[in-house]
Protein backbone atom coordinates (compact mmCIF):
# COMPACT_ATOMS: atom_id res chain seq x y z
CA GLU A 1 51.74 28.12 30.25
CA ASN A 2 52.07 30.32 27.15
CA ILE A 3 55.83 29.86 27.14
CA GLU A 4 55.49 26.09 27.20
CA ASP A 5 52.96 26.20 24.36
CA LEU A 6 55.27 28.52 22.42
CA CYS A 7 58.21 26.09 22.89
CA LYS A 8 56.05 23.15 21.73
CA ASP A 9 54.98 25.17 18.71
CA ALA A 10 58.59 26.11 17.96
CA ASP A 11 60.00 22.57 18.23
CA LYS A 12 59.05 21.38 14.73
CA ASP A 13 61.70 18.64 14.52
CA LEU A 14 60.59 17.16 17.90
CA SER A 15 64.14 17.13 19.24
CA GLY A 16 63.17 18.59 22.61
CA LYS A 17 65.41 21.60 21.98
CA VAL A 18 64.47 24.93 20.43
CA GLY A 19 67.02 26.68 18.26
CA LYS A 20 67.12 30.41 17.59
CA ASP A 21 65.68 29.99 14.05
CA GLU A 22 62.84 27.78 15.34
CA LEU A 23 62.07 30.30 18.12
CA TRP A 24 62.10 33.22 15.69
CA LYS A 25 59.81 31.37 13.33
CA ALA A 26 57.44 30.47 16.19
CA LEU A 27 57.37 34.10 17.41
CA THR A 28 56.72 35.56 13.95
CA GLU A 29 54.69 32.85 12.19
CA GLY A 30 53.52 30.40 14.86
CA GLU A 31 49.97 29.57 15.82
CA ILE A 32 50.51 30.38 19.50
CA ALA A 33 52.00 33.79 18.70
CA TYR A 34 49.05 34.48 16.42
CA LYS A 35 46.61 33.52 19.18
CA LEU A 36 48.43 35.66 21.76
CA THR A 37 48.50 38.64 19.40
CA LEU A 38 44.78 38.40 18.79
CA GLU A 39 44.06 38.14 22.49
CA ALA A 40 46.32 41.17 23.15
CA ILE A 41 44.42 43.38 20.73
CA GLY A 42 41.06 42.13 21.95
CA GLN A 43 40.03 40.05 18.99
CA LYS A 44 39.30 36.38 18.87
CA LYS A 45 39.80 34.00 15.99
CA PRO A 46 36.47 33.71 14.22
CA ALA A 47 34.77 30.47 15.05
CA LEU A 48 32.87 28.61 12.35
CA ASN A 49 29.76 26.59 12.85
CA THR A 50 29.62 23.09 11.42
CA THR A 51 27.31 24.40 8.68
CA GLU A 52 29.65 27.24 7.65
CA CYS A 53 32.83 27.40 5.60
CA GLN A 54 35.36 29.95 4.50
CA LYS A 55 34.64 31.90 1.32
CA ASP A 56 37.90 30.85 -0.34
CA ASP A 57 37.22 27.18 0.42
CA LEU A 58 33.74 27.46 -1.07
CA ILE A 59 35.04 29.12 -4.25
CA ALA A 60 37.75 26.48 -4.65
CA PHE A 61 35.15 23.70 -4.19
CA LEU A 62 32.75 25.27 -6.71
CA ARG A 63 35.53 25.68 -9.30
CA ALA A 64 36.63 22.07 -8.88
CA GLU A 65 33.02 20.86 -9.10
CA TYR A 66 32.39 22.96 -12.22
CA ASN A 67 35.52 21.61 -13.94
CA THR A 68 34.70 18.00 -12.99
CA SER A 69 31.07 18.16 -14.10
CA GLY A 70 32.05 19.96 -17.30
CA ALA A 71 34.58 17.25 -18.12
CA LEU A 72 32.08 14.50 -17.35
CA TRP A 73 29.39 16.04 -19.53
CA SER A 74 31.54 16.68 -22.60
CA LEU A 75 31.52 13.13 -24.03
CA PRO A 76 27.76 12.49 -23.63
CA GLN A 77 27.01 15.98 -24.97
CA THR A 78 29.18 15.35 -28.01
CA CYS A 79 27.50 11.99 -28.69
CA ILE A 80 24.00 13.46 -28.34
CA LEU A 81 24.83 16.38 -30.64
CA PHE A 82 26.37 14.06 -33.25
CA LEU A 83 23.28 11.82 -33.13
CA ALA A 84 20.99 14.85 -33.49
CA PHE A 85 23.07 16.09 -36.43
CA PHE A 86 22.95 12.66 -38.09
CA ILE A 87 19.19 12.35 -37.65
CA SER A 88 18.50 15.85 -38.96
CA MET A 89 20.89 15.34 -41.88
CA THR A 90 19.20 12.05 -42.81
CA ALA A 91 15.72 13.59 -42.56
CA HIS A 92 16.73 16.65 -44.58
CA LEU A 93 18.51 14.85 -47.39
CA GLY A 94 15.95 12.07 -47.90
CA ILE A 95 18.58 9.54 -48.82
CA SER A 96 16.14 6.67 -49.47
CA GLY A 97 14.03 8.79 -51.86
CA SER A 98 17.13 9.93 -53.70
CA TYR A 99 18.31 6.34 -54.06
CA LEU A 100 14.95 5.25 -55.50
CA MET A 101 14.95 8.18 -57.98
CA GLN A 102 18.46 7.36 -59.09
CA ASN A 103 17.54 3.70 -59.64
CA GLY A 104 14.45 4.75 -61.58
CA ILE A 105 16.47 6.89 -63.93
CA ILE A 106 19.06 4.24 -64.67
C-alpha cells in the first residue's frame, strides 16, 4: 500500500511510469515519504482545528490587511487633514476682517 502511494506521489507527469529522478524526488521530498518518516519516528503531523491556523499564515494575513487598510485610509486622511488645515488657517488669519480693513484704508 505504501509503495503504491509512493509511486502515485512520484508520478508527477501522470505518464503511468516512474523515472529515477521522479522516484528520488518522491523519496526525498514527497508527501508520502514525509508521512512515513514521521510515523517511523513516532510523531504525527500536527492536526489543526477549523478555528486554528499556522503562525506564518496569520502573520502574512495581518501584514496584507495592514498594508491594504493603510492604503485605503491614506486618501481620506489626507483630505481630512487638508480640510482641517484650511479651516484653521482661515480662522487664524481672519481674511474677511483683513479685507474690510484694507477697503476702509483705501
